[in-house]
C-alpha atoms as a PDB file:
ATOM      1  CA  UNK A   1      -0.009   0.016  -0.025  1.00  0.00           C
ATOM      2  CA  UNK A   2       1.479   3.347  -1.003  1.00  0.00           C
ATOM      3  CA  UNK A   3       1.788   6.085   1.624  1.00  0.00           C
ATOM      4  CA  UNK A   4      -0.854   8.219  -0.166  1.00  0.00           C
ATOM      5  CA  UNK A   5      -3.311   5.318  -0.192  1.00  0.00           C
ATOM      6  CA  UNK A   6      -2.567   4.481   3.409  1.00  0.00           C
ATOM      7  CA  UNK A   7      -3.222   8.062   4.511  1.00  0.00           C
ATOM      8  CA  UNK A   8      -6.528   8.024   2.648  1.00  0.00           C
ATOM      9  CA  UNK A   9      -7.473   4.735   4.344  1.00  0.00           C
ATOM     10  CA  UNK A  10      -6.590   6.086   7.796  1.00  0.00           C
ATOM     11  CA  UNK A  11      -8.499   9.361   7.113  1.00  0.00           C
ATOM     12  CA  UNK A  12     -11.642   7.329   6.408  1.00  0.00           C
ATOM     13  CA  UNK A  13     -11.221   5.211   9.524  1.00  0.00           C
ATOM     14  CA  UNK A  14     -10.632   8.327  11.652  1.00  0.00           C
ATOM     15  CA  UNK A  15     -14.100   9.590  10.733  1.00  0.00           C
ATOM     16  CA  UNK A  16     -15.875   6.330  11.614  1.00  0.00           C
ATOM     17  CA  UNK A  17     -16.861   5.517  15.201  1.00  0.00           C
ATOM     18  CA  UNK A  18     -14.015   3.869  17.007  1.00  0.00           C
ATOM     19  CA  UNK A  19     -14.028   0.079  17.332  1.00  0.00           C
ATOM     20  CA  UNK A  20     -11.390  -2.436  18.239  1.00  0.00           C
ATOM     21  CA  UNK A  21      -9.436  -4.185  15.480  1.00  0.00           C
ATOM     22  CA  UNK A  22     -10.733  -7.562  16.726  1.00  0.00           C
ATOM     23  CA  UNK A  23     -14.352  -6.367  16.458  1.00  0.00           C
ATOM     24  CA  UNK A  24     -14.699  -4.210  13.320  1.00  0.00           C
ATOM     25  CA  UNK A  25     -18.060  -3.056  11.982  1.00  0.00           C
ATOM     26  CA  UNK A  26     -19.297  -4.431   8.635  1.00  0.00           C
ATOM     27  CA  UNK A  27     -18.552  -1.039   7.091  1.00  0.00           C
ATOM     28  CA  UNK A  28     -14.964  -1.086   8.366  1.00  0.00           C
ATOM     29  CA  UNK A  29     -14.548  -4.638   6.994  1.00  0.00           C
ATOM     30  CA  UNK A  30     -15.832  -3.590   3.576  1.00  0.00           C
ATOM     31  CA  UNK A  31     -13.544  -0.542   3.418  1.00  0.00           C
ATOM     32  CA  UNK A  32     -10.581  -2.701   4.435  1.00  0.00           C
ATOM     33  CA  UNK A  33     -11.404  -5.275   1.701  1.00  0.00           C
ATOM     34  CA  UNK A  34     -11.770  -2.487  -0.892  1.00  0.00           C
ATOM     35  CA  UNK A  35      -8.338  -1.111  -0.073  1.00  0.00           C
ATOM     36  CA  UNK A  36      -6.773  -4.611   0.079  1.00  0.00           C
ATOM     37  CA  UNK A  37      -8.117  -5.656  -3.357  1.00  0.00           C
ATOM     38  CA  UNK A  38      -7.013  -2.399  -4.891  1.00  0.00           C
ATOM     39  CA  UNK A  39      -3.349  -2.771  -3.922  1.00  0.00           C
ATOM     40  CA  UNK A  40      -2.710  -6.229  -5.389  1.00  0.00           C
ATOM     41  CA  UNK A  41      -0.517  -5.543  -8.432  1.00  0.00           C
ATOM     42  CA  UNK A  42       1.213  -2.597 -10.026  1.00  0.00           C
ATOM     43  CA  UNK A  43      -1.076  -2.970 -13.048  1.00  0.00           C
ATOM     44  CA  UNK A  44      -4.048  -1.951 -10.926  1.00  0.00           C
ATOM     45  CA  UNK A  45      -2.197   1.140  -9.648  1.00  0.00           C
ATOM     46  CA  UNK A  46      -2.032   2.411 -13.228  1.00  0.00           C
ATOM     47  CA  UNK A  47      -5.660   1.601 -13.852  1.00  0.00           C
ATOM     48  CA  UNK A  48      -7.831   4.731 -14.216  1.00  0.00           C
ATOM     49  CA  UNK A  49     -10.725   2.961 -12.453  1.00  0.00           C
ATOM     50  CA  UNK A  50      -8.510   2.372  -9.399  1.00  0.00           C
ATOM     51  CA  UNK A  51      -7.490   6.058  -9.444  1.00  0.00           C
ATOM     52  CA  UNK A  52     -11.100   7.110  -9.541  1.00  0.00           C
ATOM     53  CA  UNK A  53     -11.860   4.826  -6.562  1.00  0.00           C
ATOM     54  CA  UNK A  54      -9.009   6.455  -4.596  1.00  0.00           C
ATOM     55  CA  UNK A  55     -10.356   9.906  -5.405  1.00  0.00           C
ATOM     56  CA  UNK A  56     -13.830   8.886  -4.332  1.00  0.00           C
ATOM     57  CA  UNK A  57     -12.390   7.589  -1.058  1.00  0.00           C
ATOM     58  CA  UNK A  58     -10.647  10.923  -0.444  1.00  0.00           C
ATOM     59  CA  UNK A  59     -13.875  12.738  -1.116  1.00  0.00           C
ATOM     60  CA  UNK A  60     -15.737  10.434   1.198  1.00  0.00           C
ATOM     61  CA  UNK A  61     -13.224  11.152   3.970  1.00  0.00           C
ATOM     62  CA  UNK A  62     -13.518  14.948   3.408  1.00  0.00           C
ATOM     63  CA  UNK A  63     -17.314  14.665   3.405  1.00  0.00           C
ATOM     64  CA  UNK A  64     -17.311  12.692   6.679  1.00  0.00           C
ATOM     65  CA  UNK A  65     -14.957  15.208   8.287  1.00  0.00           C
ATOM     66  CA  UNK A  66     -17.193  18.105   7.155  1.00  0.00           C
ATOM     67  CA  UNK A  67     -20.282  16.392   8.552  1.00  0.00           C
ATOM     68  CA  UNK A  68     -18.571  15.880  11.884  1.00  0.00           C
ATOM     69  CA  UNK A  69     -17.550  19.511  11.987  1.00  0.00           C
ATOM     70  CA  UNK A  70     -21.059  20.610  11.043  1.00  0.00           C
ATOM     71  CA  UNK A  71     -22.605  18.503  13.828  1.00  0.00           C
ATOM     72  CA  UNK A  72     -20.175  19.923  16.356  1.00  0.00           C
ATOM     73  CA  UNK A  73     -20.916  23.504  15.248  1.00  0.00           C
ATOM     74  CA  UNK A  74     -24.697  22.929  15.335  1.00  0.00           C
ATOM     75  CA  UNK A  75     -24.436  21.508  18.872  1.00  0.00           C
ATOM     76  CA  UNK A  76     -22.174  24.357  19.954  1.00  0.00           C
ATOM     77  CA  UNK A  77     -24.281  27.233  18.604  1.00  0.00           C
ATOM     78  CA  UNK A  78     -27.757  25.702  19.146  1.00  0.00           C
ATOM     79  CA  UNK A  79     -27.528  24.182  22.625  1.00  0.00           C
ATOM     80  CA  UNK A  80     -31.266  24.290  23.074  1.00  0.00           C
ATOM     81  CA  UNK A  81     -31.854  21.528  20.555  1.00  0.00           C
ATOM     82  CA  UNK A  82     -31.221  18.801  23.097  1.00  0.00           C
ATOM     83  CA  UNK A  83     -32.895  20.541  26.095  1.00  0.00           C
ATOM     84  CA  UNK A  84     -36.311  19.820  27.439  1.00  0.00           C
ATOM     85  CA  UNK A  85     -38.936  22.560  27.407  1.00  0.00           C
ATOM     86  CA  UNK A  86     -38.680  22.992  31.157  1.00  0.00           C
ATOM     87  CA  UNK A  87     -34.918  23.504  30.915  1.00  0.00           C
ATOM     88  CA  UNK A  88     -35.310  26.077  28.124  1.00  0.00           C
ATOM     89  CA  UNK A  89     -37.778  28.074  30.256  1.00  0.00           C
ATOM     90  CA  UNK A  90     -35.557  27.970  33.242  1.00  0.00           C
ATOM     91  CA  UNK A  91     -32.522  29.235  31.264  1.00  0.00           C
ATOM     92  CA  UNK A  92     -34.551  31.923  29.556  1.00  0.00           C
ATOM     93  CA  UNK A  93     -35.745  33.159  32.961  1.00  0.00           C
ATOM     94  CA  UNK A  94     -32.126  33.216  34.246  1.00  0.00           C
ATOM     95  CA  UNK A  95     -31.042  35.136  31.197  1.00  0.00           C
ATOM     96  CA  UNK A  96     -33.408  38.005  31.960  1.00  0.00           C
ATOM     97  CA  UNK A  97     -32.613  38.012  35.693  1.00  0.00           C
ATOM     98  CA  UNK A  98     -35.170  35.726  37.222  1.00  0.00           C
ATOM     99  CA  UNK A  99     -34.580  32.501  39.055  1.00  0.00           C
ATOM    100  CA  UNK A 100     -37.554  30.230  38.971  1.00  0.00           C
ATOM    101  CA  UNK A 101     -38.488  28.609  42.296  1.00  0.00           C
ATOM    102  CA  UNK A 102     -37.487  25.002  42.738  1.00  0.00           C
ATOM    103  CA  UNK A 103     -40.547  22.780  42.500  1.00  0.00           C
ATOM    104  CA  UNK A 104     -41.009  20.001  45.060  1.00  0.00           C
ATOM    105  CA  UNK A 105     -41.634  16.508  43.752  1.00  0.00           C
ATOM    106  CA  UNK A 106     -44.832  16.250  45.768  1.00  0.00           C
ATOM    107  CA  UNK A 107     -46.628  18.822  43.639  1.00  0.00           C
ATOM    108  CA  UNK A 108     -46.269  21.787  46.037  1.00  0.00           C
ATOM    109  CA  UNK A 109     -44.185  24.810  45.038  1.00  0.00           C
END
């Protein structure tokens, strides 16, 4: 495996959820097989189809990296997406200077 091909393979694996080598996901197994079959002979390295597959793999790694960055930015700048309605109200009240009373579990406030 050439260094360029190895770095592409590692870039793809970096973007996938981490798993142990002894217990890879079916997707990781398929990616590994695709890279293994593509590095068999020097004739395949000159093949334009193989070059196209390598470019597609690089694009896939870039896309996965961009999606991960996008998800991190959405979570960072829209923290209310994962909050409950009660938590949103409490934080809005704190933002304008009010602290809501703590409600008892028995129904009395």
